[in-house]
Amino acid sequence: MGLFKAGKLDMLFDELVAIRAQLPLKKLKVILETAVLSKKEI
């Protein structure tokens, strides 16, 4: 959320990709924490 709220979306995407790459054998659930997001942000 720190990267997301700061608008650093490229860094955020790269972070997700890097984590995903370490979990080739697992399903990955990404939590948005919707209570702190607007409709557009969700």
Full PDB file with SEQRES, HELIX, SHEET, SSBOND, CRYST1, ORIGX, SCALE, CONECT and MASTER records, all heavy atoms in Angstrom:
SEQRES   1 A   42  MET GLY LEU PHE LYS ALA GLY LYS LEU ASP MET LEU PHE          
SEQRES   2 A   42  ASP GLU LEU VAL ALA ILE ARG ALA GLN LEU PRO LEU LYS          
SEQRES   3 A   42  LYS LEU LYS VAL ILE LEU GLU THR ALA VAL LEU SER LYS          
SEQRES   4 A   42  LYS GLU ILE                                                  
HELIX    1 AA1 GLY A    2  LYS A    5  1                                   4    
HELIX    2 AA2 LEU A    9  ALA A   21  1                                  13    
HELIX    3 AA3 THR A   34  VAL A   36  5                                   3    
CRYST1    1.000    1.000    1.000  90.00  90.00  90.00 P 1           1          
ORIGX1      1.000000  0.000000  0.000000        0.00000                         
ORIGX2      0.000000  1.000000  0.000000        0.00000                         
ORIGX3      0.000000  0.000000  1.000000        0.00000                         
SCALE1      1.000000  0.000000  0.000000        0.00000                         
SCALE2      0.000000  1.000000  0.000000        0.00000                         
SCALE3      0.000000  0.000000  1.000000        0.00000                         
ATOM      1  N   MET A   1       0.806  -1.214   0.000  1.00  0.00           N  
ATOM      2  CA  MET A   1       0.000   0.000   0.000  1.00  0.00           C  
ATOM      3  C   MET A   1       0.841   1.267   0.000  1.00  0.00           C  
ATOM      4  O   MET A   1       0.409   2.318  -0.482  1.00  0.00           O  
ATOM      5  CB  MET A   1      -0.936   0.005   1.216  1.00  0.00           C  
ATOM      6  CG  MET A   1      -2.145  -0.896   1.092  1.00  0.00           C  
ATOM      7  SD  MET A   1      -3.316  -0.323  -0.159  1.00  0.00           S  
ATOM      8  CE  MET A   1      -3.019  -1.538  -1.444  1.00  0.00           C  
ATOM      9  N   GLY A   2       2.060   1.169   0.550  1.00  0.00           N  
ATOM     10  CA  GLY A   2       2.944   2.330   0.525  1.00  0.00           C  
ATOM     11  C   GLY A   2       3.270   2.742  -0.896  1.00  0.00           C  
ATOM     12  O   GLY A   2       3.161   3.928  -1.267  1.00  0.00           O  
ATOM     13  N   LEU A   3       3.658   1.759  -1.719  1.00  0.00           N  
ATOM     14  CA  LEU A   3       3.948   2.037  -3.128  1.00  0.00           C  
ATOM     15  C   LEU A   3       2.684   2.453  -3.876  1.00  0.00           C  
ATOM     16  O   LEU A   3       2.710   3.378  -4.691  1.00  0.00           O  
ATOM     17  CB  LEU A   3       4.571   0.807  -3.790  1.00  0.00           C  
ATOM     18  CG  LEU A   3       5.963   0.401  -3.312  1.00  0.00           C  
ATOM     19  CD1 LEU A   3       6.420  -0.862  -4.040  1.00  0.00           C  
ATOM     20  CD2 LEU A   3       6.972   1.525  -3.517  1.00  0.00           C  
ATOM     21  N   PHE A   4       1.583   1.757  -3.591  1.00  0.00           N  
ATOM     22  CA  PHE A   4       0.347   2.055  -4.318  1.00  0.00           C  
ATOM     23  C   PHE A   4      -0.130   3.475  -4.045  1.00  0.00           C  
ATOM     24  O   PHE A   4      -0.440   4.229  -4.980  1.00  0.00           O  
ATOM     25  CB  PHE A   4      -0.738   1.052  -3.936  1.00  0.00           C  
ATOM     26  CG  PHE A   4      -2.026   1.256  -4.682  1.00  0.00           C  
ATOM     27  CD1 PHE A   4      -2.163   0.793  -5.980  1.00  0.00           C  
ATOM     28  CD2 PHE A   4      -3.097   1.906  -4.087  1.00  0.00           C  
ATOM     29  CE1 PHE A   4      -3.351   0.982  -6.684  1.00  0.00           C  
ATOM     30  CE2 PHE A   4      -4.286   2.104  -4.779  1.00  0.00           C  
ATOM     31  CZ  PHE A   4      -4.418   1.638  -6.076  1.00  0.00           C  
ATOM     32  N   LYS A   5      -0.186   3.861  -2.786  1.00  0.00           N  
ATOM     33  CA  LYS A   5      -0.682   5.193  -2.434  1.00  0.00           C  
ATOM     34  C   LYS A   5       0.261   6.302  -2.897  1.00  0.00           C  
ATOM     35  O   LYS A   5      -0.170   7.433  -3.127  1.00  0.00           O  
ATOM     36  CB  LYS A   5      -0.881   5.278  -0.919  1.00  0.00           C  
ATOM     37  CG  LYS A   5      -2.081   4.489  -0.397  1.00  0.00           C  
ATOM     38  CD  LYS A   5      -3.400   5.121  -0.787  1.00  0.00           C  
ATOM     39  CE  LYS A   5      -4.569   4.476  -0.072  1.00  0.00           C  
ATOM     40  NZ  LYS A   5      -5.871   5.127  -0.386  1.00  0.00           N  
ATOM     41  N   ALA A   6       1.545   5.953  -3.049  1.00  0.00           N  
ATOM     42  CA  ALA A   6       2.512   6.939  -3.545  1.00  0.00           C  
ATOM     43  C   ALA A   6       2.517   7.035  -5.065  1.00  0.00           C  
ATOM     44  O   ALA A   6       3.243   7.856  -5.637  1.00  0.00           O  
ATOM     45  CB  ALA A   6       3.914   6.574  -3.049  1.00  0.00           C  
ATOM     46  N   GLY A   7       1.728   6.180  -5.703  1.00  0.00           N  
ATOM     47  CA  GLY A   7       1.663   6.209  -7.161  1.00  0.00           C  
ATOM     48  C   GLY A   7       2.830   5.539  -7.853  1.00  0.00           C  
ATOM     49  O   GLY A   7       3.012   5.701  -9.067  1.00  0.00           O  
ATOM     50  N   LYS A   8       3.605   4.755  -7.100  1.00  0.00           N  
ATOM     51  CA  LYS A   8       4.767   4.078  -7.693  1.00  0.00           C  
ATOM     52  C   LYS A   8       4.334   2.715  -8.222  1.00  0.00           C  
ATOM     53  O   LYS A   8       4.717   1.659  -7.732  1.00  0.00           O  
ATOM     54  CB  LYS A   8       5.874   3.945  -6.650  1.00  0.00           C  
ATOM     55  CG  LYS A   8       6.389   5.300  -6.166  1.00  0.00           C  
ATOM     56  CD  LYS A   8       7.505   5.150  -5.141  1.00  0.00           C  
ATOM     57  CE  LYS A   8       8.021   6.508  -4.699  1.00  0.00           C  
ATOM     58  NZ  LYS A   8       9.119   6.404  -3.692  1.00  0.00           N  
ATOM     59  N   LEU A   9       3.518   2.765  -9.260  1.00  0.00           N  
ATOM     60  CA  LEU A   9       2.850   1.567  -9.746  1.00  0.00           C  
ATOM     61  C   LEU A   9       3.796   0.622 -10.479  1.00  0.00           C  
ATOM     62  O   LEU A   9       3.608  -0.602 -10.448  1.00  0.00           O  
ATOM     63  CB  LEU A   9       1.674   1.956 -10.640  1.00  0.00           C  
ATOM     64  CG  LEU A   9       0.644   2.888  -9.987  1.00  0.00           C  
ATOM     65  CD1 LEU A   9      -0.548   3.093 -10.909  1.00  0.00           C  
ATOM     66  CD2 LEU A   9       0.188   2.356  -8.631  1.00  0.00           C  
ATOM     67  N   ASP A  10       4.798   1.172 -11.158  1.00  0.00           N  
ATOM     68  CA  ASP A  10       5.776   0.304 -11.827  1.00  0.00           C  
ATOM     69  C   ASP A  10       6.572  -0.490 -10.800  1.00  0.00           C  
ATOM     70  O   ASP A  10       6.814  -1.692 -10.984  1.00  0.00           O  
ATOM     71  CB  ASP A  10       6.730   1.128 -12.701  1.00  0.00           C  
ATOM     72  CG  ASP A  10       6.044   1.691 -13.944  1.00  0.00           C  
ATOM     73  OD1 ASP A  10       4.977   1.157 -14.314  1.00  0.00           O  
ATOM     74  OD2 ASP A  10       6.573   2.654 -14.530  1.00  0.00           O  
ATOM     75  N   MET A  11       6.984   0.170  -9.732  1.00  0.00           N  
ATOM     76  CA  MET A  11       7.703  -0.522  -8.660  1.00  0.00           C  
ATOM     77  C   MET A  11       6.812  -1.584  -8.008  1.00  0.00           C  
ATOM     78  O   MET A  11       7.264  -2.688  -7.683  1.00  0.00           O  
ATOM     79  CB  MET A  11       8.192   0.475  -7.615  1.00  0.00           C  
ATOM     80  CG  MET A  11       9.315   1.379  -8.077  1.00  0.00           C  
ATOM     81  SD  MET A  11       9.821   2.547  -6.776  1.00  0.00           S  
ATOM     82  CE  MET A  11      10.451   1.385  -5.539  1.00  0.00           C  
ATOM     83  N   LEU A  12       5.547  -1.246  -7.827  1.00  0.00           N  
ATOM     84  CA  LEU A  12       4.600  -2.175  -7.231  1.00  0.00           C  
ATOM     85  C   LEU A  12       4.443  -3.422  -8.101  1.00  0.00           C  
ATOM     86  O   LEU A  12       4.476  -4.561  -7.605  1.00  0.00           O  
ATOM     87  CB  LEU A  12       3.251  -1.486  -7.050  1.00  0.00           C  
ATOM     88  CG  LEU A  12       2.112  -2.325  -6.484  1.00  0.00           C  
ATOM     89  CD1 LEU A  12       2.450  -2.845  -5.104  1.00  0.00           C  
ATOM     90  CD2 LEU A  12       0.825  -1.499  -6.437  1.00  0.00           C  
ATOM     91  N   PHE A  13       4.295  -3.205  -9.390  1.00  0.00           N  
ATOM     92  CA  PHE A  13       4.175  -4.325 -10.321  1.00  0.00           C  
ATOM     93  C   PHE A  13       5.425  -5.195 -10.294  1.00  0.00           C  
ATOM     94  O   PHE A  13       5.334  -6.434 -10.233  1.00  0.00           O  
ATOM     95  CB  PHE A  13       3.931  -3.795 -11.735  1.00  0.00           C  
ATOM     96  CG  PHE A  13       3.981  -4.842 -12.804  1.00  0.00           C  
ATOM     97  CD1 PHE A  13       2.925  -5.720 -12.980  1.00  0.00           C  
ATOM     98  CD2 PHE A  13       5.093  -4.958 -13.623  1.00  0.00           C  
ATOM     99  CE1 PHE A  13       2.974  -6.698 -13.970  1.00  0.00           C  
ATOM    100  CE2 PHE A  13       5.155  -5.929 -14.608  1.00  0.00           C  
ATOM    101  CZ  PHE A  13       4.084  -6.804 -14.789  1.00  0.00           C  
ATOM    102  N   ASP A  14       6.583  -4.558 -10.314  1.00  0.00           N  
ATOM    103  CA  ASP A  14       7.842  -5.308 -10.296  1.00  0.00           C  
ATOM    104  C   ASP A  14       7.978  -6.134  -9.011  1.00  0.00           C  
ATOM    105  O   ASP A  14       8.513  -7.245  -9.033  1.00  0.00           O  
ATOM    106  CB  ASP A  14       9.032  -4.354 -10.427  1.00  0.00           C  
ATOM    107  CG  ASP A  14       9.147  -3.737 -11.818  1.00  0.00           C  
ATOM    108  OD1 ASP A  14       8.495  -4.248 -12.750  1.00  0.00           O  
ATOM    109  OD2 ASP A  14       9.864  -2.729 -11.957  1.00  0.00           O  
ATOM    110  N   GLU A  15       7.504  -5.582  -7.893  1.00  0.00           N  
ATOM    111  CA  GLU A  15       7.563  -6.312  -6.627  1.00  0.00           C  
ATOM    112  C   GLU A  15       6.699  -7.569  -6.681  1.00  0.00           C  
ATOM    113  O   GLU A  15       7.127  -8.652  -6.257  1.00  0.00           O  
ATOM    114  CB  GLU A  15       7.116  -5.408  -5.480  1.00  0.00           C  
ATOM    115  CG  GLU A  15       7.116  -6.098  -4.132  1.00  0.00           C  
ATOM    116  CD  GLU A  15       6.855  -5.153  -2.973  1.00  0.00           C  
ATOM    117  OE1 GLU A  15       7.685  -4.245  -2.747  1.00  0.00           O  
ATOM    118  OE2 GLU A  15       5.821  -5.333  -2.298  1.00  0.00           O  
ATOM    119  N   LEU A  16       5.508  -7.428  -7.212  1.00  0.00           N  
ATOM    120  CA  LEU A  16       4.627  -8.589  -7.336  1.00  0.00           C  
ATOM    121  C   LEU A  16       5.233  -9.665  -8.233  1.00  0.00           C  
ATOM    122  O   LEU A  16       5.195 -10.861  -7.912  1.00  0.00           O  
ATOM    123  CB  LEU A  16       3.272  -8.164  -7.898  1.00  0.00           C  
ATOM    124  CG  LEU A  16       2.363  -7.373  -6.972  1.00  0.00           C  
ATOM    125  CD1 LEU A  16       1.137  -6.884  -7.732  1.00  0.00           C  
ATOM    126  CD2 LEU A  16       1.931  -8.211  -5.778  1.00  0.00           C  
ATOM    127  N   VAL A  17       5.795  -9.240  -9.346  1.00  0.00           N  
ATOM    128  CA  VAL A  17       6.410 -10.188 -10.274  1.00  0.00           C  
ATOM    129  C   VAL A  17       7.573 -10.914  -9.609  1.00  0.00           C  
ATOM    130  O   VAL A  17       7.752 -12.130  -9.776  1.00  0.00           O  
ATOM    131  CB  VAL A  17       6.876  -9.461 -11.551  1.00  0.00           C  
ATOM    132  CG1 VAL A  17       7.738 -10.384 -12.419  1.00  0.00           C  
ATOM    133  CG2 VAL A  17       5.673  -8.963 -12.345  1.00  0.00           C  
ATOM    134  N   ALA A  18       8.367 -10.178  -8.831  1.00  0.00           N  
ATOM    135  CA  ALA A  18       9.523 -10.781  -8.157  1.00  0.00           C  
ATOM    136  C   ALA A  18       9.080 -11.817  -7.116  1.00  0.00           C  
ATOM    137  O   ALA A  18       9.692 -12.885  -6.986  1.00  0.00           O  
ATOM    138  CB  ALA A  18      10.359  -9.691  -7.492  1.00  0.00           C  
ATOM    139  N   ILE A  19       8.025 -11.523  -6.383  1.00  0.00           N  
ATOM    140  CA  ILE A  19       7.506 -12.471  -5.396  1.00  0.00           C  
ATOM    141  C   ILE A  19       6.886 -13.678  -6.096  1.00  0.00           C  
ATOM    142  O   ILE A  19       7.129 -14.824  -5.722  1.00  0.00           O  
ATOM    143  CB  ILE A  19       6.484 -11.785  -4.478  1.00  0.00           C  
ATOM    144  CG1 ILE A  19       7.179 -10.729  -3.612  1.00  0.00           C  
ATOM    145  CG2 ILE A  19       5.770 -12.805  -3.589  1.00  0.00           C  
ATOM    146  CD1 ILE A  19       6.230  -9.836  -2.838  1.00  0.00           C  
ATOM    147  N   ARG A  20       6.106 -13.413  -7.132  1.00  0.00           N  
ATOM    148  CA  ARG A  20       5.473 -14.495  -7.902  1.00  0.00           C  
ATOM    149  C   ARG A  20       6.522 -15.481  -8.426  1.00  0.00           C  
ATOM    150  O   ARG A  20       6.293 -16.701  -8.429  1.00  0.00           O  
ATOM    151  CB  ARG A  20       4.679 -13.884  -9.055  1.00  0.00           C  
ATOM    152  CG  ARG A  20       4.188 -14.813 -10.156  1.00  0.00           C  
ATOM    153  CD  ARG A  20       2.970 -15.601  -9.739  1.00  0.00           C  
ATOM    154  NE  ARG A  20       3.291 -16.813  -9.026  1.00  0.00           N  
ATOM    155  CZ  ARG A  20       2.390 -17.675  -8.581  1.00  0.00           C  
ATOM    156  NH1 ARG A  20       1.104 -17.430  -8.740  1.00  0.00           N  
ATOM    157  NH2 ARG A  20       2.757 -18.764  -7.949  1.00  0.00           N  
ATOM    158  N   ALA A  21       7.667 -14.962  -8.854  1.00  0.00           N  
ATOM    159  CA  ALA A  21       8.717 -15.806  -9.425  1.00  0.00           C  
ATOM    160  C   ALA A  21       9.295 -16.788  -8.414  1.00  0.00           C  
ATOM    161  O   ALA A  21       9.831 -17.833  -8.792  1.00  0.00           O  
ATOM    162  CB  ALA A  21       9.832 -14.937 -10.002  1.00  0.00           C  
ATOM    163  N   GLN A  22       9.186 -16.454  -7.127  1.00  0.00           N  
ATOM    164  CA  GLN A  22       9.723 -17.327  -6.075  1.00  0.00           C  
ATOM    165  C   GLN A  22       8.723 -18.408  -5.654  1.00  0.00           C  
ATOM    166  O   GLN A  22       9.056 -19.263  -4.831  1.00  0.00           O  
ATOM    167  CB  GLN A  22      10.096 -16.488  -4.846  1.00  0.00           C  
ATOM    168  CG  GLN A  22      11.160 -15.445  -5.099  1.00  0.00           C  
ATOM    169  CD  GLN A  22      12.461 -16.060  -5.576  1.00  0.00           C  
ATOM    170  OE1 GLN A  22      12.914 -17.082  -5.065  1.00  0.00           O  
ATOM    171  NE2 GLN A  22      13.066 -15.427  -6.578  1.00  0.00           N  
ATOM    172  N   LEU A  23       7.516 -18.373  -6.201  1.00  0.00           N  
ATOM    173  CA  LEU A  23       6.464 -19.291  -5.768  1.00  0.00           C  
ATOM    174  C   LEU A  23       5.888 -20.080  -6.947  1.00  0.00           C  
ATOM    175  O   LEU A  23       4.669 -20.107  -7.162  1.00  0.00           O  
ATOM    176  CB  LEU A  23       5.350 -18.504  -5.077  1.00  0.00           C  
ATOM    177  CG  LEU A  23       5.739 -17.788  -3.782  1.00  0.00           C  
ATOM    178  CD1 LEU A  23       4.696 -16.743  -3.409  1.00  0.00           C  
ATOM    179  CD2 LEU A  23       5.919 -18.801  -2.654  1.00  0.00           C  
ATOM    180  N   PRO A  24       6.738 -20.728  -7.727  1.00  0.00           N  
ATOM    181  CA  PRO A  24       6.250 -21.408  -8.932  1.00  0.00           C  
ATOM    182  C   PRO A  24       5.317 -22.566  -8.650  1.00  0.00           C  
ATOM    183  O   PRO A  24       4.524 -22.954  -9.513  1.00  0.00           O  
ATOM    184  CB  PRO A  24       7.541 -21.884  -9.606  1.00  0.00           C  
ATOM    185  CG  PRO A  24       8.507 -22.048  -8.481  1.00  0.00           C  
ATOM    186  CD  PRO A  24       8.199 -20.922  -7.543  1.00  0.00           C  
ATOM    187  N   LEU A  25       5.392 -23.124  -7.451  1.00  0.00           N  
ATOM    188  CA  LEU A  25       4.594 -24.306  -7.117  1.00  0.00           C  
ATOM    189  C   LEU A  25       3.350 -23.974  -6.299  1.00  0.00           C  
ATOM    190  O   LEU A  25       2.596 -24.878  -5.931  1.00  0.00           O  
ATOM    191  CB  LEU A  25       5.453 -25.314  -6.350  1.00  0.00           C  
ATOM    192  CG  LEU A  25       6.759 -25.749  -7.027  1.00  0.00           C  
ATOM    193  CD1 LEU A  25       7.534 -26.690  -6.125  1.00  0.00           C  
ATOM    194  CD2 LEU A  25       6.479 -26.392  -8.384  1.00  0.00           C  
ATOM    195  N   LYS A  26       3.138 -22.696  -6.018  1.00  0.00           N  
ATOM    196  CA  LYS A  26       2.049 -22.290  -5.119  1.00  0.00           C  
ATOM    197  C   LYS A  26       1.088 -21.338  -5.826  1.00  0.00           C  
ATOM    198  O   LYS A  26       1.483 -20.566  -6.699  1.00  0.00           O  
ATOM    199  CB  LYS A  26       2.594 -21.581  -3.874  1.00  0.00           C  
ATOM    200  CG  LYS A  26       3.808 -22.245  -3.234  1.00  0.00           C  
ATOM    201  CD  LYS A  26       3.554 -23.657  -2.761  1.00  0.00           C  
ATOM    202  CE  LYS A  26       4.803 -24.250  -2.110  1.00  0.00           C  
ATOM    203  NZ  LYS A  26       4.632 -25.690  -1.790  1.00  0.00           N  
ATOM    204  N   LYS A  27      -0.174 -21.373  -5.399  1.00  0.00           N  
ATOM    205  CA  LYS A  27      -1.103 -20.340  -5.806  1.00  0.00           C  
ATOM    206  C   LYS A  27      -0.816 -19.084  -4.996  1.00  0.00           C  
ATOM    207  O   LYS A  27      -0.492 -19.166  -3.808  1.00  0.00           O  
ATOM    208  CB  LYS A  27      -2.553 -20.787  -5.575  1.00  0.00           C  
ATOM    209  CG  LYS A  27      -3.059 -21.794  -6.591  1.00  0.00           C  
ATOM    210  CD  LYS A  27      -4.543 -22.076  -6.382  1.00  0.00           C  
ATOM    211  CE  LYS A  27      -5.058 -23.058  -7.424  1.00  0.00           C  
ATOM    212  NZ  LYS A  27      -6.487 -23.363  -7.216  1.00  0.00           N  
ATOM    213  N   LEU A  28      -0.959 -17.944  -5.641  1.00  0.00           N  
ATOM    214  CA  LEU A  28      -0.685 -16.667  -4.988  1.00  0.00           C  
ATOM    215  C   LEU A  28      -1.968 -15.860  -4.883  1.00  0.00           C  
ATOM    216  O   LEU A  28      -2.620 -15.566  -5.892  1.00  0.00           O  
ATOM    217  CB  LEU A  28       0.353 -15.879  -5.778  1.00  0.00           C  
ATOM    218  CG  LEU A  28       0.708 -14.499  -5.232  1.00  0.00           C  
ATOM    219  CD1 LEU A  28       1.396 -14.615  -3.867  1.00  0.00           C  
ATOM    220  CD2 LEU A  28       1.591 -13.737  -6.216  1.00  0.00           C  
ATOM    221  N   LYS A  29      -2.337 -15.513  -3.630  1.00  0.00           N  
ATOM    222  CA  LYS A  29      -3.451 -14.607  -3.400  1.00  0.00           C  
ATOM    223  C   LYS A  29      -2.879 -13.247  -3.010  1.00  0.00           C  
ATOM    224  O   LYS A  29      -2.040 -13.162  -2.108  1.00  0.00           O  
ATOM    225  CB  LYS A  29      -4.362 -15.128  -2.289  1.00  0.00           C  
ATOM    226  CG  LYS A  29      -4.998 -16.490  -2.545  1.00  0.00           C  
ATOM    227  CD  LYS A  29      -6.200 -16.651  -1.595  1.00  0.00           C  
ATOM    228  CE  LYS A  29      -6.627 -18.088  -1.445  1.00  0.00           C  
ATOM    229  NZ  LYS A  29      -5.776 -18.835  -0.483  1.00  0.00           N  
ATOM    230  N   VAL A  30      -3.344 -12.196  -3.664  1.00  0.00           N  
ATOM    231  CA  VAL A  30      -2.883 -10.841  -3.360  1.00  0.00           C  
ATOM    232  C   VAL A  30      -4.010 -10.086  -2.662  1.00  0.00           C  
ATOM    233  O   VAL A  30      -5.113  -9.946  -3.197  1.00  0.00           O  
ATOM    234  CB  VAL A  30      -2.436 -10.099  -4.632  1.00  0.00           C  
ATOM    235  CG1 VAL A  30      -2.041  -8.662  -4.289  1.00  0.00           C  
ATOM    236  CG2 VAL A  30      -1.261 -10.825  -5.290  1.00  0.00           C  
ATOM    237  N   ILE A  31      -3.710  -9.611  -1.455  1.00  0.00           N  
ATOM    238  CA  ILE A  31      -4.701  -8.926  -0.617  1.00  0.00           C  
ATOM    239  C   ILE A  31      -4.651  -7.423  -0.914  1.00  0.00           C  
ATOM    240  O   ILE A  31      -3.587  -6.793  -0.830  1.00  0.00           O  
ATOM    241  CB  ILE A  31      -4.402  -9.163   0.872  1.00  0.00           C  
ATOM    242  CG1 ILE A  31      -4.318 -10.662   1.163  1.00  0.00           C  
ATOM    243  CG2 ILE A  31      -5.467  -8.503   1.741  1.00  0.00           C  
ATOM    244  CD1 ILE A  31      -3.739 -10.988   2.531  1.00  0.00           C  
ATOM    245  N   LEU A  32      -5.800  -6.841  -1.218  1.00  0.00           N  
ATOM    246  CA  LEU A  32      -5.847  -5.425  -1.587  1.00  0.00           C  
ATOM    247  C   LEU A  32      -6.052  -4.501  -0.398  1.00  0.00           C  
ATOM    248  O   LEU A  32      -5.767  -3.313  -0.493  1.00  0.00           O  
ATOM    249  CB  LEU A  32      -6.974  -5.177  -2.596  1.00  0.00           C  
ATOM    250  CG  LEU A  32      -6.971  -6.013  -3.868  1.00  0.00           C  
ATOM    251  CD1 LEU A  32      -8.033  -5.487  -4.823  1.00  0.00           C  
ATOM    252  CD2 LEU A  32      -5.603  -6.024  -4.540  1.00  0.00           C  
ATOM    253  N   GLU A  33      -6.595  -5.016   0.701  1.00  0.00           N  
ATOM    254  CA  GLU A  33      -6.984  -4.187   1.853  1.00  0.00           C  
ATOM    255  C   GLU A  33      -7.965  -3.107   1.391  1.00  0.00           C  
ATOM    256  O   GLU A  33      -7.725  -1.896   1.480  1.00  0.00           O  
ATOM    257  CB  GLU A  33      -5.748  -3.573   2.514  1.00  0.00           C  
ATOM    258  CG  GLU A  33      -5.936  -3.243   3.986  1.00  0.00           C  
ATOM    259  CD  GLU A  33      -6.114  -4.495   4.868  1.00  0.00           C  
ATOM    260  OE1 GLU A  33      -7.101  -5.216   4.684  1.00  0.00           O  
ATOM    261  OE2 GLU A  33      -5.257  -4.720   5.752  1.00  0.00           O  
ATOM    262  N   THR A  34      -9.119  -3.574   0.907  1.00  0.00           N  
ATOM    263  CA  THR A  34     -10.086  -2.688   0.267  1.00  0.00           C  
ATOM    264  C   THR A  34     -10.652  -1.616   1.189  1.00  0.00           C  
ATOM    265  O   THR A  34     -11.137  -0.582   0.711  1.00  0.00           O  
ATOM    266  CB  THR A  34     -11.257  -3.513  -0.311  1.00  0.00           C  
ATOM    267  OG1 THR A  34     -11.836  -4.322   0.719  1.00  0.00           O  
ATOM    268  CG2 THR A  34     -10.776  -4.402  -1.434  1.00  0.00           C  
ATOM    269  N   ALA A  35     -10.603  -1.832   2.502  1.00  0.00           N  
ATOM    270  CA  ALA A  35     -11.166  -0.854   3.432  1.00  0.00           C  
ATOM    271  C   ALA A  35     -10.435   0.484   3.381  1.00  0.00           C  
ATOM    272  O   ALA A  35     -10.994   1.507   3.808  1.00  0.00           O  
ATOM    273  CB  ALA A  35     -11.145  -1.399   4.862  1.00  0.00           C  
ATOM    274  N   VAL A  36      -9.213   0.498   2.883  1.00  0.00           N  
ATOM    275  CA  VAL A  36      -8.458   1.758   2.809  1.00  0.00           C  
ATOM    276  C   VAL A  36      -8.378   2.279   1.376  1.00  0.00           C  
ATOM    277  O   VAL A  36      -7.612   3.208   1.091  1.00  0.00           O  
ATOM    278  CB  VAL A  36      -7.035   1.593   3.395  1.00  0.00           C  
ATOM    279  CG1 VAL A  36      -7.100   1.131   4.838  1.00  0.00           C  
ATOM    280  CG2 VAL A  36      -6.191   0.628   2.568  1.00  0.00           C  
ATOM    281  N   LEU A  37      -9.187   1.719   0.479  1.00  0.00           N  
ATOM    282  CA  LEU A  37      -9.147   2.113  -0.926  1.00  0.00           C  
ATOM    283  C   LEU A  37     -10.487   2.679  -1.388  1.00  0.00           C  
ATOM    284  O   LEU A  37     -11.544   2.244  -0.938  1.00  0.00           O  
ATOM    285  CB  LEU A  37      -8.792   0.909  -1.809  1.00  0.00           C  
ATOM    286  CG  LEU A  37      -7.451   0.225  -1.565  1.00  0.00           C  
ATOM    287  CD1 LEU A  37      -7.313  -0.983  -2.481  1.00  0.00           C  
ATOM    288  CD2 LEU A  37      -6.290   1.185  -1.758  1.00  0.00           C  
ATOM    289  N   SER A  38     -10.425   3.613  -2.311  1.00  0.00           N  
ATOM    290  CA  SER A  38     -11.633   4.106  -2.962  1.00  0.00           C  
ATOM    291  C   SER A  38     -12.073   3.110  -4.033  1.00  0.00           C  
ATOM    292  O   SER A  38     -11.347   2.156  -4.362  1.00  0.00           O  
ATOM    293  CB  SER A  38     -11.357   5.462  -3.623  1.00  0.00           C  
ATOM    294  OG  SER A  38     -10.444   5.295  -4.712  1.00  0.00           O  
ATOM    295  N   LYS A  39     -13.243   3.318  -4.570  1.00  0.00           N  
ATOM    296  CA  LYS A  39     -13.746   2.439  -5.633  1.00  0.00           C  
ATOM    297  C   LYS A  39     -12.794   2.412  -6.820  1.00  0.00           C  
ATOM    298  O   LYS A  39     -12.480   1.337  -7.360  1.00  0.00           O  
ATOM    299  CB  LYS A  39     -15.132   2.914  -6.072  1.00  0.00           C  
ATOM    300  CG  LYS A  39     -15.797   2.023  -7.102  1.00  0.00           C  
ATOM    301  CD  LYS A  39     -17.204   2.511  -7.411  1.00  0.00           C  
ATOM    302  CE  LYS A  39     -17.881   1.609  -8.457  1.00  0.00           C  
ATOM    303  NZ  LYS A  39     -19.262   2.070  -8.775  1.00  0.00           N  
ATOM    304  N   LYS A  40     -12.315   3.575  -7.223  1.00  0.00           N  
ATOM    305  CA  LYS A  40     -11.373   3.646  -8.337  1.00  0.00           C  
ATOM    306  C   LYS A  40     -10.061   2.948  -7.994  1.00  0.00           C  
ATOM    307  O   LYS A  40      -9.478   2.240  -8.837  1.00  0.00           O  
ATOM    308  CB  LYS A  40     -11.099   5.118  -8.690  1.00  0.00           C  
ATOM    309  CG  LYS A  40     -10.151   5.296  -9.862  1.00  0.00           C  
ATOM    310  CD  LYS A  40      -9.961   6.760 -10.194  1.00  0.00           C  
ATOM    311  CE  LYS A  40      -8.994   6.940 -11.378  1.00  0.00           C  
ATOM    312  NZ  LYS A  40      -8.794   8.382 -11.711  1.00  0.00           N  
ATOM    313  N   GLU A  41      -9.611   3.107  -6.755  1.00  0.00           N  
ATOM    314  CA  GLU A  41      -8.369   2.455  -6.336  1.00  0.00           C  
ATOM    315  C   GLU A  41      -8.510   0.941  -6.289  1.00  0.00           C  
ATOM    316  O   GLU A  41      -7.567   0.214  -6.609  1.00  0.00           O  
ATOM    317  CB  GLU A  41      -7.928   2.992  -4.973  1.00  0.00           C  
ATOM    318  CG  GLU A  41      -7.374   4.399  -5.018  1.00  0.00           C  
ATOM    319  CD  GLU A  41      -7.073   4.948  -3.629  1.00  0.00           C  
ATOM    320  OE1 GLU A  41      -7.781   4.567  -2.666  1.00  0.00           O  
ATOM    321  OE2 GLU A  41      -6.140   5.772  -3.509  1.00  0.00           O  
ATOM    322  N   ILE A  42      -9.680   0.448  -5.885  1.00  0.00           N  
ATOM    323  CA  ILE A  42      -9.906  -0.994  -5.877  1.00  0.00           C  
ATOM    324  C   ILE A  42      -9.773  -1.561  -7.286  1.00  0.00           C  
ATOM    325  O   ILE A  42      -9.143  -2.595  -7.500  1.00  0.00           O  
ATOM    326  CB  ILE A  42     -11.288  -1.329  -5.280  1.00  0.00           C  
ATOM    327  CG1 ILE A  42     -11.309  -1.034  -3.775  1.00  0.00           C  
ATOM    328  CG2 ILE A  42     -11.643  -2.804  -5.516  1.00  0.00           C  
ATOM    329  CD1 ILE A  42     -12.687  -1.146  -3.147  1.00  0.00           C  
TER     330      ILE A  42                                                      
MASTER        0    0    0    3    0    0    0    6  329    1    0    4          
END                                                                             
